[in-house]
Amino acid sequence: MKDLYYDALAESQVGWHEGTENAVPFIKFLLGTILAAYKDFEDRVALVETKLPALEMVRRASKNKIGRFNKQDIREQ
C-alpha cells in the first residue's frame, strides 16, 4: 500500500517545475483508498447488522481472510 501511495505521488509530481503536473493519479489513489475502506466498513456492518448465529458470523468473517487467523481476528470483524 505504501508503495502505491509513493508511486501515485511521484507520478502526480512529474512536470511540477514546469507547472504541468497532473494530480489525477494521486486523486485516483485517494479515492480508491476511500472506496476500499467504505467497502470494508460495509462488510463489517453486514456481519453485525443481522443477528446471525455465531458459527455463521465466523464463516462470513473468515470468508475473505487469506492465510491464518485467530479468534481475535474474528472478534475485530
N, C-alpha and C. Protein backbone atom coordinates (compact mmCIF):
# COMPACT_ATOMS: atom_id res chain seq x y z
N MET A 1 0.82 -1.19 0.00
CA MET A 1 0.00 0.00 0.00
C MET A 1 0.87 1.26 0.00
N LYS A 2 1.91 1.22 0.83
CA LYS A 2 2.79 2.38 0.90
C LYS A 2 3.47 2.63 -0.45
N ASP A 3 3.85 1.55 -1.14
CA ASP A 3 4.48 1.70 -2.45
C ASP A 3 3.52 2.34 -3.45
N LEU A 4 2.26 1.93 -3.42
CA LEU A 4 1.26 2.52 -4.32
C LEU A 4 1.08 4.01 -4.05
N TYR A 5 1.10 4.37 -2.77
CA TYR A 5 0.98 5.77 -2.38
C TYR A 5 2.12 6.59 -2.98
N TYR A 6 3.35 6.12 -2.76
CA TYR A 6 4.50 6.86 -3.26
C TYR A 6 4.55 6.88 -4.79
N ASP A 7 4.13 5.79 -5.43
CA ASP A 7 4.09 5.77 -6.90
C ASP A 7 3.10 6.81 -7.42
N ALA A 8 1.92 6.87 -6.82
CA ALA A 8 0.90 7.84 -7.26
C ALA A 8 1.37 9.26 -7.01
N LEU A 9 2.00 9.48 -5.86
CA LEU A 9 2.52 10.80 -5.53
C LEU A 9 3.60 11.23 -6.52
N ALA A 10 4.52 10.31 -6.83
CA ALA A 10 5.60 10.62 -7.76
C ALA A 10 5.05 10.91 -9.16
N GLU A 11 4.09 10.10 -9.57
CA GLU A 11 3.51 10.30 -10.90
C GLU A 11 2.80 11.65 -11.00
N SER A 12 2.17 12.05 -9.90
CA SER A 12 1.45 13.33 -9.89
C SER A 12 2.38 14.53 -9.90
N GLN A 13 3.62 14.34 -9.48
CA GLN A 13 4.56 15.46 -9.40
C GLN A 13 5.38 15.66 -10.67
N VAL A 14 5.27 14.75 -11.62
CA VAL A 14 6.03 14.90 -12.87
C VAL A 14 5.62 16.21 -13.54
N GLY A 15 6.59 17.03 -13.86
CA GLY A 15 6.32 18.30 -14.52
C GLY A 15 6.05 19.44 -13.55
N TRP A 16 6.27 19.20 -12.26
CA TRP A 16 5.99 20.22 -11.25
C TRP A 16 6.77 21.51 -11.50
N HIS A 17 8.03 21.38 -11.85
CA HIS A 17 8.86 22.57 -12.06
C HIS A 17 8.40 23.39 -13.26
N GLU A 18 7.76 22.73 -14.20
CA GLU A 18 7.28 23.44 -15.38
C GLU A 18 5.82 23.88 -15.23
N GLY A 19 5.20 23.50 -14.13
CA GLY A 19 3.79 23.84 -13.92
C GLY A 19 2.85 22.96 -14.71
N THR A 20 3.31 21.76 -15.10
CA THR A 20 2.46 20.87 -15.90
C THR A 20 2.13 19.57 -15.15
N GLU A 21 2.27 19.60 -13.82
CA GLU A 21 1.98 18.39 -13.05
C GLU A 21 0.50 18.02 -13.18
N ASN A 22 0.22 16.75 -12.89
CA ASN A 22 -1.14 16.22 -13.04
C ASN A 22 -1.51 15.51 -11.74
N ALA A 23 -2.45 16.04 -11.01
CA ALA A 23 -2.84 15.48 -9.71
C ALA A 23 -3.76 14.27 -9.83
N VAL A 24 -4.22 13.95 -11.02
CA VAL A 24 -5.20 12.87 -11.21
C VAL A 24 -4.72 11.52 -10.66
N PRO A 25 -3.48 11.08 -10.89
CA PRO A 25 -3.08 9.78 -10.34
C PRO A 25 -3.18 9.72 -8.81
N PHE A 26 -2.81 10.80 -8.15
CA PHE A 26 -2.88 10.82 -6.69
C PHE A 26 -4.33 10.87 -6.22
N ILE A 27 -5.16 11.63 -6.90
CA ILE A 27 -6.58 11.71 -6.55
C ILE A 27 -7.24 10.34 -6.73
N LYS A 28 -6.89 9.65 -7.82
CA LYS A 28 -7.44 8.30 -8.04
C LYS A 28 -7.01 7.36 -6.92
N PHE A 29 -5.74 7.48 -6.49
CA PHE A 29 -5.26 6.65 -5.39
C PHE A 29 -6.08 6.93 -4.12
N LEU A 30 -6.26 8.19 -3.80
CA LEU A 30 -7.02 8.55 -2.60
C LEU A 30 -8.46 8.05 -2.68
N LEU A 31 -9.11 8.25 -3.81
CA LEU A 31 -10.49 7.80 -3.96
C LEU A 31 -10.58 6.27 -3.89
N GLY A 32 -9.60 5.58 -4.45
CA GLY A 32 -9.58 4.12 -4.36
C GLY A 32 -9.44 3.65 -2.92
N THR A 33 -8.60 4.36 -2.15
CA THR A 33 -8.41 4.03 -0.74
C THR A 33 -9.70 4.25 0.04
N ILE A 34 -10.38 5.35 -0.22
CA ILE A 34 -11.65 5.65 0.45
C ILE A 34 -12.69 4.60 0.08
N LEU A 35 -12.76 4.24 -1.18
CA LEU A 35 -13.72 3.23 -1.63
C LEU A 35 -13.45 1.88 -0.96
N ALA A 36 -12.18 1.49 -0.87
CA ALA A 36 -11.83 0.22 -0.22
C ALA A 36 -12.22 0.24 1.26
N ALA A 37 -12.00 1.37 1.92
CA ALA A 37 -12.37 1.49 3.34
C ALA A 37 -13.88 1.43 3.50
N TYR A 38 -14.61 2.06 2.60
CA TYR A 38 -16.07 2.03 2.65
C TYR A 38 -16.59 0.61 2.46
N LYS A 39 -16.02 -0.12 1.49
CA LYS A 39 -16.45 -1.50 1.25
C LYS A 39 -16.15 -2.38 2.45
N ASP A 40 -14.98 -2.18 3.08
CA ASP A 40 -14.64 -2.95 4.27
C ASP A 40 -15.62 -2.64 5.40
N PHE A 41 -15.95 -1.36 5.57
CA PHE A 41 -16.92 -0.96 6.59
C PHE A 41 -18.28 -1.58 6.31
N GLU A 42 -18.70 -1.56 5.06
CA GLU A 42 -19.98 -2.14 4.67
C GLU A 42 -20.03 -3.64 4.99
N ASP A 43 -18.93 -4.34 4.71
CA ASP A 43 -18.86 -5.78 5.02
C ASP A 43 -18.96 -6.02 6.52
N ARG A 44 -18.29 -5.18 7.31
CA ARG A 44 -18.32 -5.35 8.76
C ARG A 44 -19.71 -5.06 9.32
N VAL A 45 -20.36 -4.03 8.80
CA VAL A 45 -21.71 -3.70 9.27
C VAL A 45 -22.67 -4.82 8.92
N ALA A 46 -22.51 -5.40 7.75
CA ALA A 46 -23.39 -6.50 7.33
C ALA A 46 -23.26 -7.69 8.27
N LEU A 47 -22.07 -7.90 8.84
CA LEU A 47 -21.88 -9.01 9.77
C LEU A 47 -22.67 -8.83 11.06
N VAL A 48 -22.74 -7.61 11.55
CA VAL A 48 -23.40 -7.37 12.83
C VAL A 48 -24.82 -6.84 12.69
N GLU A 49 -25.16 -6.35 11.51
CA GLU A 49 -26.49 -5.78 11.29
C GLU A 49 -27.57 -6.83 11.47
N THR A 50 -27.36 -7.98 10.90
CA THR A 50 -28.32 -9.06 11.06
C THR A 50 -27.79 -9.98 12.16
N LYS A 51 -28.65 -10.33 13.05
CA LYS A 51 -28.24 -11.19 14.17
C LYS A 51 -28.11 -12.63 13.67
N LEU A 52 -26.90 -12.98 13.32
CA LEU A 52 -26.62 -14.32 12.80
C LEU A 52 -26.11 -15.21 13.93
N PRO A 53 -26.30 -16.50 13.77
CA PRO A 53 -25.67 -17.42 14.73
C PRO A 53 -24.15 -17.25 14.70
N ALA A 54 -23.51 -17.53 15.82
CA ALA A 54 -22.06 -17.34 15.94
C ALA A 54 -21.28 -18.08 14.86
N LEU A 55 -21.69 -19.30 14.55
CA LEU A 55 -20.98 -20.08 13.54
C LEU A 55 -21.05 -19.40 12.18
N GLU A 56 -22.20 -18.84 11.83
CA GLU A 56 -22.34 -18.15 10.55
C GLU A 56 -21.51 -16.87 10.52
N MET A 57 -21.43 -16.17 11.65
CA MET A 57 -20.60 -14.96 11.71
C MET A 57 -19.13 -15.31 11.48
N VAL A 58 -18.69 -16.41 12.06
CA VAL A 58 -17.30 -16.85 11.87
C VAL A 58 -17.08 -17.23 10.41
N ARG A 59 -18.02 -17.94 9.81
CA ARG A 59 -17.88 -18.32 8.40
C ARG A 59 -17.75 -17.09 7.51
N ARG A 60 -18.61 -16.12 7.72
CA ARG A 60 -18.58 -14.91 6.88
C ARG A 60 -17.31 -14.10 7.12
N ALA A 61 -16.91 -13.98 8.37
CA ALA A 61 -15.71 -13.20 8.68
C ALA A 61 -14.47 -13.86 8.10
N SER A 62 -14.43 -15.20 8.10
CA SER A 62 -13.24 -15.90 7.61
C SER A 62 -13.25 -16.06 6.09
N LYS A 63 -14.38 -15.81 5.47
CA LYS A 63 -14.51 -15.99 4.01
C LYS A 63 -13.50 -15.13 3.24
N ASN A 64 -13.25 -13.92 3.71
CA ASN A 64 -12.36 -13.00 2.99
C ASN A 64 -10.93 -12.99 3.54
N LYS A 65 -10.66 -13.81 4.54
CA LYS A 65 -9.32 -13.85 5.12
C LYS A 65 -8.40 -14.72 4.27
N ILE A 66 -7.17 -14.29 4.16
CA ILE A 66 -6.17 -15.06 3.46
C ILE A 66 -5.12 -15.46 4.50
N GLY A 67 -4.78 -16.70 4.52
CA GLY A 67 -3.79 -17.17 5.48
C GLY A 67 -4.41 -17.49 6.82
N ARG A 68 -3.58 -17.48 7.84
CA ARG A 68 -4.02 -17.87 9.17
C ARG A 68 -4.77 -16.72 9.84
N PHE A 69 -5.68 -17.07 10.73
CA PHE A 69 -6.36 -16.09 11.56
C PHE A 69 -6.74 -16.76 12.88
N ASN A 70 -7.05 -15.93 13.86
CA ASN A 70 -7.39 -16.45 15.18
C ASN A 70 -8.69 -15.83 15.68
N LYS A 71 -9.07 -16.16 16.91
CA LYS A 71 -10.32 -15.66 17.47
C LYS A 71 -10.35 -14.14 17.53
N GLN A 72 -9.21 -13.54 17.85
CA GLN A 72 -9.14 -12.08 17.94
C GLN A 72 -9.45 -11.44 16.58
N ASP A 73 -8.96 -12.03 15.51
CA ASP A 73 -9.26 -11.51 14.17
C ASP A 73 -10.77 -11.52 13.92
N ILE A 74 -11.44 -12.60 14.33
CA ILE A 74 -12.89 -12.71 14.14
C ILE A 74 -13.59 -11.67 15.01
N ARG A 75 -13.15 -11.51 16.26
CA ARG A 75 -13.78 -10.52 17.16
C ARG A 75 -13.66 -9.12 16.59
N GLU A 76 -12.52 -8.81 15.99
CA GLU A 76 -12.31 -7.48 15.43
C GLU A 76 -13.27 -7.19 14.28
N GLN A 77 -13.64 -8.22 13.56
CA GLN A 77 -14.59 -8.03 12.46
C GLN A 77 -15.99 -7.99 12.99
